[in-house]
Amino acid sequence: MPKASRMVAGSRSPVGCPMDSLLRLLMGPWTTYVLWVLSTNGPTRFGQLKRKVPGVSAKVLTDRLRMLEEAGVVRRDYQATIPPQVTYSLSPRGEELRDVLDSLNEVAVRWQKADQAALAAKVPGQATGLGVPHGADGGAAALLARAQSSLAVEPAE
């Protein structure tokens, strides 16, 4: 089966709802964060990517990258050097998601400001967070907002 069709064919999505397959792909643990980092920084080596996604284990990051590569969203470039160099970047399919992720980021920032304002109105001096817990799969909006506020853009290694 070609890589491009694995995401839809391998999903548990109800027939007739292709958007469900895509959202299931994006909502895996750390997935939106990884895509945001690759979108923001361009081609990134594994070690640098791990540093830019604080809190993710090497195993989970590897699993996410493999899943995204299999779905055709991320490209893996392996160079047999000593030590080996592995660089990840968005594939053309991943680039298609850039506008969607940018739109989600805008919503996330807007919601973050609204949540902080609402919290400040209830308890002055306590408006420090989104009010959304950061779980294993978080929310795309919350993760993107946190990624934007916590990551500095650095050139790829």
N, C-alpha and C. Protein backbone atom coordinates (compact mmCIF):
# COMPACT_ATOMS: atom_id res chain seq x y z
N MET A 1 0.85 -1.18 0.00
CA MET A 1 0.00 0.00 0.00
C MET A 1 0.89 1.24 0.00
N PRO A 2 0.65 2.23 -0.83
CA PRO A 2 1.47 3.43 -0.87
C PRO A 2 1.37 4.20 0.44
N LYS A 3 2.47 4.87 0.80
CA LYS A 3 2.49 5.62 2.05
C LYS A 3 1.37 6.65 2.13
N ALA A 4 1.07 7.32 1.06
CA ALA A 4 0.08 8.40 1.08
C ALA A 4 -1.30 7.91 1.50
N SER A 5 -1.63 6.64 1.28
CA SER A 5 -2.97 6.17 1.62
C SER A 5 -3.03 5.46 2.96
N ARG A 6 -1.89 5.25 3.62
CA ARG A 6 -1.89 4.52 4.89
C ARG A 6 -2.65 5.24 5.98
N MET A 7 -2.54 6.56 6.03
CA MET A 7 -3.20 7.30 7.09
C MET A 7 -4.71 7.05 7.07
N VAL A 8 -5.31 7.15 5.92
CA VAL A 8 -6.75 6.97 5.82
C VAL A 8 -7.12 5.50 5.96
N ALA A 9 -6.39 4.62 5.27
CA ALA A 9 -6.73 3.20 5.29
C ALA A 9 -6.51 2.58 6.66
N GLY A 10 -5.49 3.04 7.40
CA GLY A 10 -5.18 2.45 8.69
C GLY A 10 -5.90 3.09 9.86
N SER A 11 -6.71 4.08 9.62
CA SER A 11 -7.37 4.77 10.73
C SER A 11 -8.65 4.04 11.15
N ARG A 12 -9.15 4.46 12.29
CA ARG A 12 -10.41 3.91 12.77
C ARG A 12 -11.56 4.86 12.44
N SER A 13 -11.37 5.68 11.45
CA SER A 13 -12.35 6.69 11.08
C SER A 13 -13.60 6.06 10.48
N PRO A 14 -14.75 6.61 10.84
CA PRO A 14 -15.97 6.13 10.19
C PRO A 14 -15.92 6.43 8.69
N VAL A 15 -16.47 5.54 7.90
CA VAL A 15 -16.50 5.73 6.46
C VAL A 15 -17.24 7.03 6.16
N GLY A 16 -16.72 7.79 5.23
CA GLY A 16 -17.39 9.02 4.83
C GLY A 16 -16.91 10.26 5.55
N CYS A 17 -15.95 10.15 6.45
CA CYS A 17 -15.46 11.32 7.16
C CYS A 17 -13.93 11.38 7.07
N PRO A 18 -13.41 11.85 5.94
CA PRO A 18 -11.95 11.88 5.76
C PRO A 18 -11.26 12.84 6.73
N MET A 19 -11.96 13.87 7.17
CA MET A 19 -11.35 14.82 8.11
C MET A 19 -11.03 14.14 9.44
N ASP A 20 -11.83 13.15 9.84
CA ASP A 20 -11.58 12.45 11.09
C ASP A 20 -10.21 11.77 11.06
N SER A 21 -9.85 11.17 9.94
CA SER A 21 -8.54 10.51 9.82
C SER A 21 -7.41 11.51 9.99
N LEU A 22 -7.54 12.65 9.37
CA LEU A 22 -6.51 13.67 9.48
C LEU A 22 -6.41 14.19 10.91
N LEU A 23 -7.54 14.44 11.55
CA LEU A 23 -7.51 14.95 12.92
C LEU A 23 -6.94 13.91 13.87
N ARG A 24 -7.23 12.64 13.66
CA ARG A 24 -6.64 11.58 14.49
C ARG A 24 -5.12 11.58 14.34
N LEU A 25 -4.65 11.78 13.13
CA LEU A 25 -3.21 11.84 12.89
C LEU A 25 -2.60 13.02 13.65
N LEU A 26 -3.21 14.17 13.54
CA LEU A 26 -2.67 15.39 14.15
C LEU A 26 -2.75 15.38 15.67
N MET A 27 -3.73 14.70 16.24
CA MET A 27 -3.94 14.77 17.67
C MET A 27 -3.17 13.72 18.46
N GLY A 28 -2.30 12.96 17.82
CA GLY A 28 -1.46 12.04 18.57
C GLY A 28 -0.57 12.81 19.52
N PRO A 29 -0.07 12.15 20.56
CA PRO A 29 0.78 12.84 21.53
C PRO A 29 1.94 13.56 20.87
N TRP A 30 2.08 14.84 21.15
CA TRP A 30 3.17 15.70 20.70
C TRP A 30 3.17 16.01 19.21
N THR A 31 2.23 15.50 18.45
CA THR A 31 2.27 15.63 16.99
C THR A 31 2.20 17.08 16.54
N THR A 32 1.24 17.84 17.04
CA THR A 32 1.13 19.23 16.59
C THR A 32 2.36 20.03 16.99
N TYR A 33 2.92 19.72 18.14
CA TYR A 33 4.12 20.42 18.59
C TYR A 33 5.28 20.14 17.64
N VAL A 34 5.48 18.87 17.29
CA VAL A 34 6.56 18.48 16.37
C VAL A 34 6.37 19.16 15.01
N LEU A 35 5.15 19.14 14.50
CA LEU A 35 4.88 19.78 13.21
C LEU A 35 5.12 21.28 13.29
N TRP A 36 4.74 21.90 14.40
CA TRP A 36 4.96 23.34 14.56
C TRP A 36 6.45 23.65 14.54
N VAL A 37 7.26 22.85 15.25
CA VAL A 37 8.70 23.07 15.28
C VAL A 37 9.29 22.92 13.88
N LEU A 38 8.90 21.87 13.16
CA LEU A 38 9.42 21.68 11.81
C LEU A 38 8.96 22.79 10.87
N SER A 39 7.74 23.24 11.04
CA SER A 39 7.22 24.32 10.21
C SER A 39 7.96 25.62 10.48
N THR A 40 8.27 25.86 11.73
CA THR A 40 8.93 27.11 12.13
C THR A 40 10.42 27.11 11.83
N ASN A 41 11.08 25.97 12.04
CA ASN A 41 12.54 25.90 11.95
C ASN A 41 13.07 25.30 10.66
N GLY A 42 12.20 24.68 9.87
CA GLY A 42 12.69 24.02 8.66
C GLY A 42 13.36 22.70 9.02
N PRO A 43 14.19 22.17 8.11
CA PRO A 43 14.84 20.88 8.36
C PRO A 43 15.60 20.91 9.68
N THR A 44 15.36 19.87 10.51
CA THR A 44 15.89 19.84 11.86
C THR A 44 16.41 18.44 12.18
N ARG A 45 17.59 18.38 12.76
CA ARG A 45 18.15 17.09 13.18
C ARG A 45 17.44 16.60 14.43
N PHE A 46 17.48 15.28 14.64
CA PHE A 46 16.73 14.66 15.73
C PHE A 46 17.05 15.28 17.09
N GLY A 47 18.33 15.41 17.42
CA GLY A 47 18.73 15.95 18.72
C GLY A 47 18.21 17.36 18.94
N GLN A 48 18.30 18.17 17.91
CA GLN A 48 17.81 19.54 18.02
C GLN A 48 16.29 19.55 18.17
N LEU A 49 15.62 18.68 17.44
CA LEU A 49 14.16 18.58 17.54
C LEU A 49 13.77 18.17 18.96
N LYS A 50 14.48 17.24 19.53
CA LYS A 50 14.17 16.79 20.89
C LYS A 50 14.36 17.94 21.88
N ARG A 51 15.38 18.75 21.70
CA ARG A 51 15.60 19.90 22.59
C ARG A 51 14.50 20.95 22.43
N LYS A 52 13.96 21.07 21.24
CA LYS A 52 12.94 22.08 20.97
C LYS A 52 11.54 21.64 21.40
N VAL A 53 11.39 20.37 21.75
CA VAL A 53 10.11 19.85 22.23
C VAL A 53 10.35 19.37 23.67
N PRO A 54 10.44 20.31 24.61
CA PRO A 54 10.79 19.94 25.98
C PRO A 54 9.75 19.00 26.59
N GLY A 55 10.26 17.96 27.25
CA GLY A 55 9.37 17.03 27.92
C GLY A 55 9.08 15.76 27.15
N VAL A 56 9.34 15.75 25.86
CA VAL A 56 9.08 14.54 25.06
C VAL A 56 10.27 13.59 25.21
N SER A 57 9.96 12.31 25.36
CA SER A 57 11.04 11.31 25.44
C SER A 57 11.52 10.99 24.03
N ALA A 58 12.73 10.44 23.95
CA ALA A 58 13.28 10.05 22.65
C ALA A 58 12.40 8.99 22.00
N LYS A 59 11.86 8.06 22.79
CA LYS A 59 11.01 7.00 22.25
C LYS A 59 9.73 7.57 21.65
N VAL A 60 9.08 8.46 22.39
CA VAL A 60 7.82 9.04 21.88
C VAL A 60 8.10 9.90 20.66
N LEU A 61 9.16 10.68 20.68
CA LEU A 61 9.50 11.51 19.52
C LEU A 61 9.77 10.63 18.31
N THR A 62 10.52 9.55 18.50
CA THR A 62 10.79 8.61 17.40
C THR A 62 9.49 8.02 16.86
N ASP A 63 8.60 7.61 17.76
CA ASP A 63 7.30 7.05 17.35
C ASP A 63 6.50 8.07 16.54
N ARG A 64 6.44 9.32 17.02
CA ARG A 64 5.70 10.37 16.31
C ARG A 64 6.29 10.61 14.94
N LEU A 65 7.61 10.70 14.86
CA LEU A 65 8.25 10.97 13.57
C LEU A 65 8.04 9.82 12.59
N ARG A 66 8.11 8.59 13.08
CA ARG A 66 7.87 7.44 12.20
C ARG A 66 6.43 7.45 11.69
N MET A 67 5.48 7.74 12.57
CA MET A 67 4.08 7.77 12.18
C MET A 67 3.84 8.88 11.15
N LEU A 68 4.43 10.05 11.37
CA LEU A 68 4.28 11.16 10.43
C LEU A 68 4.97 10.88 9.10
N GLU A 69 6.10 10.19 9.16
CA GLU A 69 6.80 9.80 7.92
C GLU A 69 5.94 8.79 7.14
N GLU A 70 5.39 7.82 7.85
CA GLU A 70 4.55 6.82 7.19
C GLU A 70 3.32 7.45 6.55
N ALA A 71 2.78 8.48 7.18
CA ALA A 71 1.61 9.17 6.64
C ALA A 71 1.98 10.13 5.51
N GLY A 72 3.28 10.30 5.27
CA GLY A 72 3.72 11.18 4.19
C GLY A 72 3.73 12.64 4.56
N VAL A 73 3.72 12.96 5.85
CA VAL A 73 3.68 14.35 6.31
C VAL A 73 5.08 14.87 6.59
N VAL A 74 5.97 13.98 7.01
CA VAL A 74 7.34 14.35 7.34
C VAL A 74 8.30 13.55 6.47
N ARG A 75 9.37 14.18 6.09
CA ARG A 75 10.42 13.55 5.30
C ARG A 75 11.63 13.30 6.22
N ARG A 76 12.20 12.12 6.11
CA ARG A 76 13.39 11.75 6.89
C ARG A 76 14.56 11.63 5.93
N ASP A 77 15.61 12.42 6.17
CA ASP A 77 16.80 12.38 5.33
C ASP A 77 17.94 11.79 6.15
N TYR A 78 18.37 10.59 5.77
CA TYR A 78 19.44 9.87 6.48
C TYR A 78 20.72 9.95 5.67
N GLN A 79 21.80 10.36 6.33
CA GLN A 79 23.11 10.38 5.68
C GLN A 79 24.03 9.48 6.48
N ALA A 80 24.61 8.50 5.82
CA ALA A 80 25.47 7.51 6.47
C ALA A 80 26.85 8.09 6.73
N THR A 81 26.92 8.97 7.69
CA THR A 81 28.19 9.55 8.11
C THR A 81 28.51 9.00 9.50
N ILE A 82 29.64 9.38 10.05
CA ILE A 82 29.98 8.97 11.41
C ILE A 82 30.06 10.23 12.24
N PRO A 83 29.18 10.46 13.18
CA PRO A 83 27.95 9.69 13.44
C PRO A 83 26.92 9.95 12.34
N PRO A 84 25.93 9.06 12.23
CA PRO A 84 24.91 9.25 11.20
C PRO A 84 24.14 10.56 11.41
N GLN A 85 23.75 11.18 10.32
CA GLN A 85 22.95 12.41 10.39
C GLN A 85 21.55 12.10 9.90
N VAL A 86 20.57 12.39 10.74
CA VAL A 86 19.18 12.22 10.36
C VAL A 86 18.51 13.57 10.52
N THR A 87 17.95 14.05 9.43
CA THR A 87 17.29 15.35 9.43
C THR A 87 15.83 15.15 9.04
N TYR A 88 14.95 15.83 9.75
CA TYR A 88 13.52 15.75 9.48
C TYR A 88 13.03 17.09 8.95
N SER A 89 12.09 17.02 8.01
CA SER A 89 11.49 18.23 7.46
C SER A 89 10.06 17.90 7.04
N LEU A 90 9.31 18.94 6.77
CA LEU A 90 7.95 18.72 6.27
C LEU A 90 8.03 18.30 4.81
N SER A 91 7.25 17.32 4.46
CA SER A 91 7.12 16.90 3.06
C SER A 91 6.15 17.85 2.38
N PRO A 92 5.94 17.71 1.08
CA PRO A 92 4.92 18.55 0.43
C PRO A 92 3.55 18.41 1.12
N ARG A 93 3.22 17.21 1.55
CA ARG A 93 1.95 16.99 2.26
C ARG A 93 1.97 17.75 3.60
N GLY A 94 3.09 17.73 4.27
CA GLY A 94 3.23 18.48 5.52
C GLY A 94 3.15 19.98 5.30
N GLU A 95 3.73 20.44 4.20
CA GLU A 95 3.66 21.87 3.87
C GLU A 95 2.21 22.32 3.66
N GLU A 96 1.38 21.40 3.14
CA GLU A 96 -0.03 21.72 2.96
C GLU A 96 -0.70 22.06 4.29
N LEU A 97 -0.19 21.50 5.37
CA LEU A 97 -0.77 21.74 6.69
C LEU A 97 -0.34 23.07 7.30
N ARG A 98 0.66 23.72 6.71
CA ARG A 98 1.19 24.95 7.29
C ARG A 98 0.10 26.00 7.53
N ASP A 99 -0.74 26.27 6.54
CA ASP A 99 -1.79 27.27 6.70
C ASP A 99 -2.80 26.87 7.77
N VAL A 100 -3.10 25.58 7.82
CA VAL A 100 -4.04 25.08 8.83
C VAL A 100 -3.45 25.27 10.23
N LEU A 101 -2.18 24.91 10.40
CA LEU A 101 -1.53 25.07 11.70
C LEU A 101 -1.40 26.54 12.07
N ASP A 102 -1.11 27.40 11.10
CA ASP A 102 -1.04 28.84 11.37
C ASP A 102 -2.40 29.36 11.83
N SER A 103 -3.47 28.89 11.19
CA SER A 103 -4.82 29.32 11.60
C SER A 103 -5.14 28.82 13.01
N LEU A 104 -4.78 27.58 13.30
CA LEU A 104 -4.99 27.05 14.66
C LEU A 104 -4.21 27.87 15.68
N ASN A 105 -3.00 28.26 15.31
CA ASN A 105 -2.18 29.07 16.21
C ASN A 105 -2.85 30.41 16.50
N GLU A 106 -3.42 31.03 15.49
CA GLU A 106 -4.13 32.30 15.70
C GLU A 106 -5.29 32.12 16.67
N VAL A 107 -6.04 31.04 16.50
CA VAL A 107 -7.14 30.75 17.41
C VAL A 107 -6.60 30.49 18.81
N ALA A 108 -5.51 29.74 18.92
CA ALA A 108 -4.92 29.42 20.22
C ALA A 108 -4.50 30.68 20.96
N VAL A 109 -3.85 31.59 20.27
CA VAL A 109 -3.41 32.83 20.89
C VAL A 109 -4.62 33.66 21.34
N ARG A 110 -5.63 33.73 20.49
CA ARG A 110 -6.85 34.48 20.83
C ARG A 110 -7.51 33.87 22.07
N TRP A 111 -7.64 32.55 22.09
CA TRP A 111 -8.26 31.87 23.24
C TRP A 111 -7.41 32.03 24.50
N GLN A 112 -6.09 31.97 24.35
CA GLN A 112 -5.21 32.14 25.49
C GLN A 112 -5.43 33.52 26.13
N LYS A 113 -5.48 34.55 25.30
CA LYS A 113 -5.71 35.90 25.82
C LYS A 113 -7.08 36.00 26.48
N ALA A 114 -8.10 35.42 25.87
CA ALA A 114 -9.44 35.46 26.45
C ALA A 114 -9.49 34.71 27.77
N ASP A 115 -8.84 33.54 27.83
CA ASP A 115 -8.82 32.75 29.07
C ASP A 115 -8.08 33.50 30.17
N GLN A 116 -6.97 34.13 29.83
CA GLN A 116 -6.21 34.89 30.81
C GLN A 116 -7.02 36.08 31.32
N ALA A 117 -7.72 36.76 30.41
CA ALA A 117 -8.54 37.90 30.82
C ALA A 117 -9.68 37.45 31.72
N ALA A 118 -10.31 36.33 31.39
CA ALA A 118 -11.41 35.81 32.21
C ALA A 118 -10.90 35.40 33.58
N LEU A 119 -9.73 34.77 33.63
CA LEU A 119 -9.16 34.36 34.90
C LEU A 119 -8.77 35.58 35.74
N ALA A 120 -8.21 36.60 35.09
CA ALA A 120 -7.83 37.81 35.80
C ALA A 120 -9.05 38.51 36.38
N ALA A 121 -10.16 38.44 35.67
CA ALA A 121 -11.39 39.06 36.17
C ALA A 121 -11.93 38.32 37.39
N LYS A 122 -11.74 36.99 37.44
CA LYS A 122 -12.21 36.19 38.57
C LYS A 122 -11.28 36.31 39.77
N VAL A 123 -9.98 36.15 39.53
CA VAL A 123 -9.00 36.17 40.60
C VAL A 123 -7.83 37.04 40.15
N PRO A 124 -7.81 38.30 40.56
CA PRO A 124 -6.72 39.19 40.13
C PRO A 124 -5.36 38.60 40.51
N GLY A 125 -4.40 38.69 39.58
CA GLY A 125 -3.05 38.20 39.80
C GLY A 125 -2.86 36.73 39.49
N GLN A 126 -3.89 36.02 39.07
CA GLN A 126 -3.78 34.59 38.81
C GLN A 126 -3.85 34.25 37.33
N ALA A 127 -3.78 35.20 36.43
CA ALA A 127 -3.92 34.95 34.98
C ALA A 127 -2.59 34.53 34.38
N THR A 128 -2.16 33.31 34.70
CA THR A 128 -0.86 32.87 34.20
C THR A 128 -0.94 31.73 33.22
N GLY A 129 -2.07 31.07 33.08
CA GLY A 129 -2.13 29.91 32.21
C GLY A 129 -3.36 29.89 31.35
N LEU A 130 -3.44 28.91 30.51
CA LEU A 130 -4.57 28.77 29.61
C LEU A 130 -5.80 28.22 30.31
N GLY A 131 -5.61 27.56 31.44
CA GLY A 131 -6.74 26.90 32.07
C GLY A 131 -7.04 25.58 31.39
N VAL A 132 -6.15 25.14 30.50
CA VAL A 132 -6.31 23.89 29.79
C VAL A 132 -5.16 22.99 30.19
N PRO A 133 -5.44 21.83 30.81
CA PRO A 133 -4.33 20.97 31.21
C PRO A 133 -3.58 20.45 30.00
N HIS A 134 -2.28 20.27 30.16
CA HIS A 134 -1.44 19.75 29.07
C HIS A 134 -1.31 18.25 29.28
N GLY A 135 -2.14 17.48 28.60
CA GLY A 135 -2.08 16.03 28.71
C GLY A 135 -1.19 15.47 27.63
N ALA A 136 -1.19 14.17 27.52
CA ALA A 136 -0.35 13.50 26.52
C ALA A 136 -0.69 13.95 25.12
N ASP A 137 -1.99 14.19 24.85
CA ASP A 137 -2.32 14.65 23.52
C ASP A 137 -2.69 16.12 23.51
N GLY A 138 -2.77 16.76 24.68
CA GLY A 138 -3.05 18.18 24.78
C GLY A 138 -4.17 18.58 23.84
N GLY A 139 -4.28 19.82 23.53
CA GLY A 139 -5.18 20.30 22.51
C GLY A 139 -4.31 21.00 21.49
N ALA A 140 -4.69 20.94 20.26
CA ALA A 140 -3.87 21.56 19.22
C ALA A 140 -3.68 23.04 19.51
N ALA A 141 -4.73 23.72 19.90
CA ALA A 141 -4.64 25.15 20.16
C ALA A 141 -3.73 25.43 21.35
N ALA A 142 -3.89 24.66 22.42
CA ALA A 142 -3.07 24.87 23.60
C ALA A 142 -1.61 24.56 23.31
N LEU A 143 -1.35 23.46 22.62
CA LEU A 143 0.03 23.10 22.31
C LEU A 143 0.68 24.12 21.40
N LEU A 144 -0.04 24.59 20.41
CA LEU A 144 0.54 25.58 19.50
C LEU A 144 0.83 26.88 20.22
N ALA A 145 -0.07 27.29 21.11
CA ALA A 145 0.16 28.52 21.86
C ALA A 145 1.38 28.38 22.76
N ARG A 146 1.48 27.23 23.43
CA ARG A 146 2.63 27.01 24.29
C ARG A 146 3.91 26.90 23.48
N ALA A 147 3.84 26.25 22.34
CA ALA A 147 5.02 26.13 21.49
C ALA A 147 5.48 27.50 21.04
N GLN A 148 4.54 28.33 20.64
CA GLN A 148 4.89 29.66 20.15
C GLN A 148 5.54 30.48 21.25
N SER A 149 5.03 30.37 22.46
CA SER A 149 5.56 31.20 23.53
C SER A 149 6.84 30.66 24.12
N SER A 150 7.13 29.36 23.96
CA SER A 150 8.30 28.79 24.61
C SER A 150 9.48 28.50 23.69
N LEU A 151 9.29 28.53 22.39
CA LEU A 151 10.38 28.17 21.48
C LEU A 151 10.96 29.39 20.80
N ALA A 152 12.27 29.38 20.71
CA ALA A 152 12.96 30.40 19.92
C ALA A 152 13.34 29.74 18.61
N VAL A 153 13.25 30.47 17.53
CA VAL A 153 13.60 29.92 16.22
C VAL A 153 15.10 29.93 16.08
N GLU A 154 15.69 28.75 15.82
CA GLU A 154 17.11 28.61 15.60
C GLU A 154 17.33 27.92 14.26
N PRO A 155 18.43 28.20 13.60
CA PRO A 155 18.70 27.51 12.33
C PRO A 155 18.96 26.03 12.58
N ALA A 156 18.65 25.22 11.58
CA ALA A 156 18.87 23.78 11.67
C ALA A 156 20.34 23.49 11.79
N GLU A 157 20.67 22.40 12.50
CA GLU A 157 22.07 21.99 12.65
C GLU A 157 22.59 21.38 11.37
